[in-house]
N, C-alpha and C. Protein backbone atom coordinates (compact mmCIF):
# COMPACT_ATOMS: atom_id res chain seq x y z
N MET A 1 -12.34 -3.44 -10.34
CA MET A 1 -11.24 -2.78 -9.59
C MET A 1 -11.82 -1.40 -9.19
N TYR A 2 -12.73 -0.65 -9.96
CA TYR A 2 -13.48 0.62 -9.84
C TYR A 2 -14.03 0.69 -7.85
N GLN A 3 -14.36 -0.62 -7.70
CA GLN A 3 -14.89 -0.59 -6.29
C GLN A 3 -13.75 -0.33 -5.47
N ARG A 4 -12.79 -0.94 -5.54
CA ARG A 4 -11.58 -0.89 -4.87
C ARG A 4 -10.76 0.64 -4.74
N ARG A 5 -10.83 1.71 -5.44
CA ARG A 5 -10.47 3.01 -5.77
C ARG A 5 -10.03 3.36 -4.58
N GLU A 6 -11.00 3.35 -3.73
CA GLU A 6 -10.93 4.15 -2.36
C GLU A 6 -10.33 3.60 -1.11
N ASN A 7 -9.64 2.46 -1.49
CA ASN A 7 -9.07 1.53 -0.44
C ASN A 7 -7.61 1.87 -0.44
N LEU A 8 -6.80 1.45 0.69
CA LEU A 8 -5.51 1.53 0.91
C LEU A 8 -5.24 0.14 1.83
N HIS A 9 -3.95 -0.43 1.65
CA HIS A 9 -3.83 -1.46 2.63
C HIS A 9 -2.44 -0.73 3.17
N PHE A 10 -2.23 -1.17 4.45
CA PHE A 10 -1.20 -0.61 5.35
C PHE A 10 -0.58 -1.81 5.78
N TYR A 11 0.82 -2.03 5.87
CA TYR A 11 1.31 -3.05 6.36
C TYR A 11 2.50 -2.53 7.24
N GLY A 12 2.66 -3.69 8.37
CA GLY A 12 3.63 -3.38 9.53
C GLY A 12 3.40 -2.32 10.51
N ILE A 13 1.86 -2.33 10.72
CA ILE A 13 1.58 -1.60 11.79
C ILE A 13 1.19 -2.87 13.03
N SER A 14 1.69 -2.48 14.30
CA SER A 14 1.59 -3.81 15.12
C SER A 14 0.36 -3.80 15.77
N GLU A 15 -0.23 -5.13 16.18
CA GLU A 15 -1.61 -5.07 16.51
C GLU A 15 -1.87 -4.69 18.11
N GLY A 16 -0.73 -4.72 18.83
CA GLY A 16 -0.83 -4.31 20.32
C GLY A 16 -1.85 -4.41 21.08
N GLU A 17 -1.99 -3.41 21.62
CA GLU A 17 -3.64 -3.57 22.57
C GLU A 17 -4.56 -2.41 21.95
N GLU A 18 -4.62 -2.52 20.74
CA GLU A 18 -5.71 -1.76 19.94
C GLU A 18 -7.24 -1.98 20.27
N GLY A 19 -7.51 -2.95 21.12
CA GLY A 19 -8.60 -3.61 21.42
C GLY A 19 -9.86 -3.51 20.27
N GLY A 20 -9.27 -3.69 19.14
CA GLY A 20 -10.20 -3.98 17.98
C GLY A 20 -10.43 -2.53 17.32
N ASP A 21 -9.73 -1.51 17.54
CA ASP A 21 -10.03 0.03 17.27
C ASP A 21 -9.08 0.42 16.26
N CYS A 22 -9.20 -0.17 15.08
CA CYS A 22 -8.05 0.08 14.19
C CYS A 22 -8.24 1.60 13.63
N HIS A 23 -9.28 2.28 13.85
CA HIS A 23 -9.82 3.39 13.32
C HIS A 23 -8.67 4.24 13.97
N MET A 24 -8.31 4.16 15.47
CA MET A 24 -7.79 5.02 16.03
C MET A 24 -6.11 4.72 16.07
N VAL A 25 -5.88 3.33 15.58
CA VAL A 25 -4.17 2.96 15.42
C VAL A 25 -3.94 3.69 14.17
N LEU A 26 -5.04 3.65 13.02
CA LEU A 26 -4.58 4.23 11.62
C LEU A 26 -4.10 5.78 11.83
N ASN A 27 -5.23 6.32 12.71
CA ASN A 27 -4.96 7.70 12.56
C ASN A 27 -3.71 8.12 13.02
N SER A 28 -3.43 7.38 14.28
CA SER A 28 -2.06 7.52 14.76
C SER A 28 -0.82 7.41 14.05
N PHE A 29 -0.93 6.31 13.42
CA PHE A 29 -0.10 5.82 12.19
C PHE A 29 0.38 6.79 11.34
N LEU A 30 -1.09 7.50 10.88
CA LEU A 30 -0.89 8.50 9.71
C LEU A 30 -0.14 9.94 10.25
N GLU A 31 -0.70 10.06 11.56
CA GLU A 31 -0.15 11.49 12.09
C GLU A 31 1.48 11.06 12.13
N GLN A 32 1.83 10.34 13.31
CA GLN A 32 2.99 9.93 13.41
C GLN A 32 4.40 9.78 12.54
N GLN A 33 3.68 8.64 11.72
CA GLN A 33 4.68 8.02 10.43
C GLN A 33 4.54 8.70 9.10
N CYS A 34 3.46 9.06 9.09
CA CYS A 34 3.28 9.86 7.63
C CYS A 34 3.16 11.12 7.65
N GLY A 35 3.14 12.04 8.97
CA GLY A 35 3.05 13.46 8.66
C GLY A 35 1.79 13.84 8.31
N VAL A 36 0.70 12.96 8.20
CA VAL A 36 -0.65 13.47 7.67
C VAL A 36 -1.38 14.22 8.40
N GLN A 37 -1.96 15.29 8.07
CA GLN A 37 -2.68 15.96 9.11
C GLN A 37 -4.51 15.10 9.11
N ILE A 38 -4.69 14.60 9.96
CA ILE A 38 -5.92 14.13 9.73
C ILE A 38 -7.21 14.38 9.85
N GLU A 39 -7.19 15.77 10.52
CA GLU A 39 -8.36 16.38 10.46
C GLU A 39 -8.87 16.35 8.95
N GLY A 40 -10.22 16.28 8.86
CA GLY A 40 -10.99 16.25 7.81
C GLY A 40 -10.85 14.87 6.88
N VAL A 41 -9.75 13.99 7.31
CA VAL A 41 -9.82 12.98 6.77
C VAL A 41 -10.90 11.91 7.34
N GLU A 42 -11.60 11.50 6.62
CA GLU A 42 -12.78 10.28 7.00
C GLU A 42 -12.55 8.93 6.54
N PHE A 43 -13.03 7.96 7.23
CA PHE A 43 -12.78 6.67 6.32
C PHE A 43 -14.31 5.92 6.57
N GLN A 44 -14.74 5.22 5.80
CA GLN A 44 -16.11 4.70 5.53
C GLN A 44 -15.86 3.46 6.55
N ARG A 45 -14.78 2.91 6.48
CA ARG A 45 -14.53 1.57 7.25
C ARG A 45 -12.83 1.54 7.53
N VAL A 46 -12.52 0.69 8.49
CA VAL A 46 -11.20 0.44 8.76
C VAL A 46 -11.21 -0.77 9.62
N HIS A 47 -10.10 -2.00 8.91
CA HIS A 47 -10.43 -3.08 9.79
C HIS A 47 -9.09 -3.99 9.16
N ARG A 48 -8.66 -5.13 10.11
CA ARG A 48 -7.53 -5.71 9.58
C ARG A 48 -8.37 -6.94 8.68
N ILE A 49 -7.14 -7.34 8.09
CA ILE A 49 -7.70 -8.64 7.06
C ILE A 49 -6.92 -9.67 7.34
N GLY A 50 -7.69 -10.82 7.23
CA GLY A 50 -7.02 -12.15 7.42
C GLY A 50 -6.96 -12.74 8.99
N LYS A 51 -6.48 -13.80 9.31
CA LYS A 51 -6.19 -14.41 10.17
C LYS A 51 -5.03 -14.03 11.07
N PRO A 52 -5.24 -14.04 12.31
CA PRO A 52 -3.93 -14.03 13.12
C PRO A 52 -2.64 -14.76 12.52
N HIS A 53 -1.50 -14.18 12.28
CA HIS A 53 -0.81 -14.96 11.91
C HIS A 53 0.12 -15.78 12.91
N ASP A 54 0.69 -16.92 12.69
CA ASP A 54 1.23 -17.81 13.62
C ASP A 54 2.59 -17.31 14.20
N ASP A 55 3.28 -16.72 13.22
CA ASP A 55 4.61 -16.15 13.67
C ASP A 55 4.58 -14.69 14.39
N GLY A 56 3.46 -14.11 14.72
CA GLY A 56 3.02 -13.01 15.34
C GLY A 56 3.18 -11.72 14.71
N SER A 57 3.50 -12.02 13.46
CA SER A 57 3.55 -10.61 12.56
C SER A 57 2.43 -10.20 12.49
N PRO A 58 2.14 -8.53 12.15
CA PRO A 58 0.96 -7.67 12.20
C PRO A 58 0.29 -7.96 10.84
N ARG A 59 -1.10 -8.40 11.18
CA ARG A 59 -2.15 -8.29 9.86
C ARG A 59 -2.06 -6.92 9.25
N ALA A 60 -2.38 -6.99 7.96
CA ALA A 60 -2.76 -5.66 7.17
C ALA A 60 -3.94 -4.92 7.81
N ILE A 61 -3.86 -3.86 7.54
CA ILE A 61 -5.34 -3.01 7.81
C ILE A 61 -5.52 -2.44 6.48
N ILE A 62 -6.88 -2.50 6.23
CA ILE A 62 -7.43 -2.00 4.87
C ILE A 62 -8.44 -0.92 5.36
N ALA A 63 -8.03 0.02 4.81
CA ALA A 63 -8.94 1.50 4.84
C ALA A 63 -9.77 2.03 3.61
N ARG A 64 -10.84 2.09 3.95
CA ARG A 64 -11.74 2.62 2.72
C ARG A 64 -12.00 3.97 2.91
N PHE A 65 -11.58 4.78 2.00
CA PHE A 65 -11.54 6.35 2.42
C PHE A 65 -13.01 6.83 2.01
N LEU A 66 -13.55 8.10 2.57
CA LEU A 66 -14.69 8.27 2.08
C LEU A 66 -14.60 9.22 0.94
N ARG A 67 -13.78 10.09 0.85
CA ARG A 67 -12.95 10.92 -0.31
C ARG A 67 -12.00 10.28 -0.90
N TYR A 68 -11.97 10.06 -2.31
CA TYR A 68 -10.65 9.98 -3.28
C TYR A 68 -9.40 10.96 -2.91
N SER A 69 -9.67 12.02 -2.80
CA SER A 69 -8.68 13.07 -2.53
C SER A 69 -8.05 12.69 -1.60
N ASP A 70 -8.50 12.27 -0.49
CA ASP A 70 -7.86 11.92 0.82
C ASP A 70 -7.02 10.76 0.68
N ARG A 71 -7.57 9.76 0.00
CA ARG A 71 -6.54 8.55 -0.38
C ARG A 71 -5.54 8.73 -1.00
N GLU A 72 -5.67 9.55 -2.10
CA GLU A 72 -4.53 10.15 -2.76
C GLU A 72 -3.70 11.05 -2.09
N ALA A 73 -3.86 11.71 -0.96
CA ALA A 73 -2.91 12.27 -0.24
C ALA A 73 -2.29 11.46 0.77
N VAL A 74 -2.93 10.45 1.25
CA VAL A 74 -2.12 9.53 2.05
C VAL A 74 -1.22 8.80 1.27
N PHE A 75 -1.65 8.11 0.01
CA PHE A 75 -0.79 7.62 -0.81
C PHE A 75 0.34 8.08 -1.30
N SER A 76 0.41 9.42 -1.42
CA SER A 76 1.27 9.82 -1.82
C SER A 76 2.63 9.95 -0.81
N LYS A 77 2.25 9.72 0.61
CA LYS A 77 3.09 9.51 1.61
C LYS A 77 3.91 8.25 1.59
N ALA A 78 3.49 7.44 0.67
CA ALA A 78 3.98 6.01 0.79
C ALA A 78 5.53 5.80 0.59
N LYS A 79 6.04 6.70 -0.55
CA LYS A 79 7.81 6.67 -0.57
C LYS A 79 8.37 7.02 0.59
N SER A 80 7.58 7.93 1.40
CA SER A 80 8.49 8.28 2.75
C SER A 80 8.59 7.25 3.29
N LEU A 81 8.11 6.00 3.30
CA LEU A 81 8.34 4.99 4.48
C LEU A 81 9.13 4.02 4.04
N LYS A 82 10.06 4.18 3.06
CA LYS A 82 10.93 3.37 2.45
C LYS A 82 12.04 2.89 3.74
N ASP A 83 12.26 1.75 3.85
CA ASP A 83 13.13 1.48 4.89
C ASP A 83 12.77 1.49 5.99
N SER A 84 11.31 1.78 6.54
CA SER A 84 10.98 1.85 7.89
C SER A 84 10.31 0.90 8.48
N GLY A 85 9.92 -0.42 7.52
CA GLY A 85 9.50 -1.34 8.07
C GLY A 85 7.94 -1.32 7.78
N TYR A 86 7.45 -0.13 7.34
CA TYR A 86 5.88 0.14 6.93
C TYR A 86 5.74 0.12 5.83
N ARG A 87 4.83 -0.35 5.02
CA ARG A 87 4.24 -0.10 3.65
C ARG A 87 2.82 0.32 3.42
N ILE A 88 2.62 0.87 2.42
CA ILE A 88 1.21 1.42 2.18
C ILE A 88 1.09 1.07 0.38
N ALA A 89 -0.16 0.36 0.33
CA ALA A 89 -0.39 -0.18 -0.98
C ALA A 89 -1.86 -0.04 -1.42
N ALA A 90 -1.80 0.06 -2.95
CA ALA A 90 -3.20 0.07 -3.53
C ALA A 90 -3.63 -1.30 -3.29
N ASP A 91 -5.29 -1.37 -3.07
CA ASP A 91 -5.91 -2.37 -2.87
C ASP A 91 -6.32 -2.82 -4.25
N LEU A 92 -5.30 -3.90 -4.79
CA LEU A 92 -5.66 -4.31 -6.22
C LEU A 92 -5.92 -5.85 -6.10
N PRO A 93 -6.49 -6.16 -7.18
CA PRO A 93 -6.84 -7.55 -7.32
C PRO A 93 -5.51 -8.43 -7.24
N LYS A 94 -5.55 -9.74 -7.04
CA LYS A 94 -4.33 -10.72 -7.13
C LYS A 94 -3.56 -10.78 -8.39
N GLU A 95 -4.91 -10.87 -9.61
CA GLU A 95 -4.22 -11.16 -10.64
C GLU A 95 -3.28 -10.06 -11.09
N ILE A 96 -3.53 -8.43 -11.04
CA ILE A 96 -2.77 -7.61 -11.22
C ILE A 96 -1.69 -7.49 -10.56
N VAL A 97 -1.46 -7.81 -9.29
CA VAL A 97 -0.27 -8.04 -8.17
C VAL A 97 0.55 -8.89 -8.73
N ASN A 98 -0.08 -10.13 -9.29
CA ASN A 98 0.79 -11.24 -9.71
C ASN A 98 1.43 -10.94 -11.11
N ARG A 99 0.60 -10.16 -12.06
CA ARG A 99 1.36 -9.71 -13.11
C ARG A 99 2.38 -8.61 -13.14
N ARG A 100 2.16 -7.65 -12.21
CA ARG A 100 3.37 -6.80 -11.84
C ARG A 100 4.48 -7.41 -11.25
N LYS A 101 4.30 -8.05 -10.28
CA LYS A 101 5.78 -8.98 -9.88
C LYS A 101 6.39 -9.51 -10.71
N LEU A 102 5.81 -10.41 -11.87
CA LEU A 102 6.58 -10.66 -13.26
C LEU A 102 7.20 -9.78 -13.95
N GLN A 103 6.56 -8.42 -14.10
CA GLN A 103 6.91 -7.21 -14.64
C GLN A 103 8.10 -7.03 -13.81
N SER A 104 8.10 -6.64 -12.95
CA SER A 104 9.05 -6.22 -12.03
C SER A 104 10.40 -6.72 -12.04
N LYS A 105 10.58 -8.21 -12.17
CA LYS A 105 11.40 -9.09 -12.51
C LYS A 105 12.02 -8.85 -13.70
N LYS A 106 11.33 -8.22 -14.76
CA LYS A 106 12.00 -8.15 -16.06
C LYS A 106 12.44 -6.83 -15.74
N LEU A 107 11.72 -5.76 -15.20
CA LEU A 107 12.49 -4.69 -15.06
C LEU A 107 13.82 -4.36 -14.52
N VAL A 108 14.04 -5.43 -13.29
CA VAL A 108 15.08 -5.39 -12.57
C VAL A 108 16.42 -5.95 -13.28
N ASP A 109 16.21 -7.09 -14.15
CA ASP A 109 16.85 -7.77 -15.19
C ASP A 109 17.41 -6.89 -16.15
N ALA A 110 16.57 -5.83 -16.66
CA ALA A 110 16.99 -5.18 -17.77
C ALA A 110 17.58 -4.15 -17.45
N ARG A 111 17.69 -3.65 -16.04
CA ARG A 111 18.42 -2.54 -15.27
C ARG A 111 19.89 -2.91 -15.17
N LYS A 112 19.62 -4.12 -14.65
CA LYS A 112 21.16 -4.89 -14.39
C LYS A 112 21.95 -4.94 -15.83
N ALA A 113 21.07 -5.01 -16.72
CA ALA A 113 21.84 -5.30 -18.07
C ALA A 113 22.05 -4.12 -18.74
N GLY A 114 21.87 -2.88 -18.03
CA GLY A 114 22.43 -1.41 -18.72
C GLY A 114 21.19 -0.98 -19.39
N LYS A 115 20.09 -1.37 -19.37
CA LYS A 115 18.95 -1.02 -20.51
C LYS A 115 18.40 0.01 -19.63
N ILE A 116 17.42 1.08 -20.29
CA ILE A 116 16.86 2.25 -19.78
C ILE A 116 15.36 1.43 -19.66
N ALA A 117 15.05 1.19 -18.23
CA ALA A 117 13.22 0.54 -18.07
C ALA A 117 12.76 1.04 -17.15
N TYR A 118 11.40 1.06 -17.49
CA TYR A 118 10.41 1.89 -16.63
C TYR A 118 9.28 1.40 -16.99
N LYS A 119 8.40 1.00 -15.96
CA LYS A 119 6.98 0.32 -16.21
C LYS A 119 7.13 -0.71 -17.36
N LEU A 120 6.20 -0.60 -18.48
CA LEU A 120 6.25 -1.70 -19.67
C LEU A 120 7.25 -1.29 -20.54
N HIS A 121 8.10 -0.40 -20.76
CA HIS A 121 9.21 -0.10 -21.60
C HIS A 121 10.71 -0.36 -21.37
N ILE A 122 11.18 -1.01 -22.28
CA ILE A 122 12.43 -1.33 -21.96
C ILE A 122 13.33 -0.87 -23.22
N ASP A 123 14.17 -0.16 -23.17
CA ASP A 123 14.61 0.56 -24.00
C ASP A 123 13.97 1.03 -25.32
N GLY A 124 13.08 1.80 -24.88
CA GLY A 124 11.84 2.47 -25.79
C GLY A 124 10.99 1.51 -26.29
N HIS A 125 10.79 0.12 -26.10
CA HIS A 125 9.88 -0.62 -26.91
C HIS A 125 8.93 -1.20 -25.70
N LEU A 126 7.77 -1.49 -26.14
CA LEU A 126 6.77 -1.97 -25.41
C LEU A 126 6.99 -3.51 -24.86
N ASN A 127 7.09 -3.66 -23.97
CA ASN A 127 7.35 -5.12 -23.25
C ASN A 127 6.33 -5.76 -22.78
N GLN A 128 5.43 -6.72 -23.39
CA GLN A 128 4.45 -7.54 -22.69
C GLN A 128 4.93 -8.81 -22.54
N LEU A 129 3.73 -9.23 -21.33
CA LEU A 129 4.03 -10.44 -20.46
C LEU A 129 3.68 -11.57 -21.24
């Protein structure tokens, strides 16, 4: 997981006429949708991941930042994209993503039941999967 700490996934960015230049598309997205000043933000690599989808939905873009501080500055803007059709996520292994999905179901159920629930704690007790 340490190797992935400088990476972010960007979802919902249309593929359009980028001509294979994901770097320019991502820069434009960061400026227009996230309000991030891209001057000084450098990437080691930016590309689409996976095969093109049959339904025409855009593939995710994965970006590896040169500096972790730049990655954190961009990731801090992720909440501002709520209900916009775009999403920014950390690059995590599938095992961790699956465990968090299971945990989030427990959290939603606990909150519906009127309990105080956050991360791994429900009513002040550590909840293990």
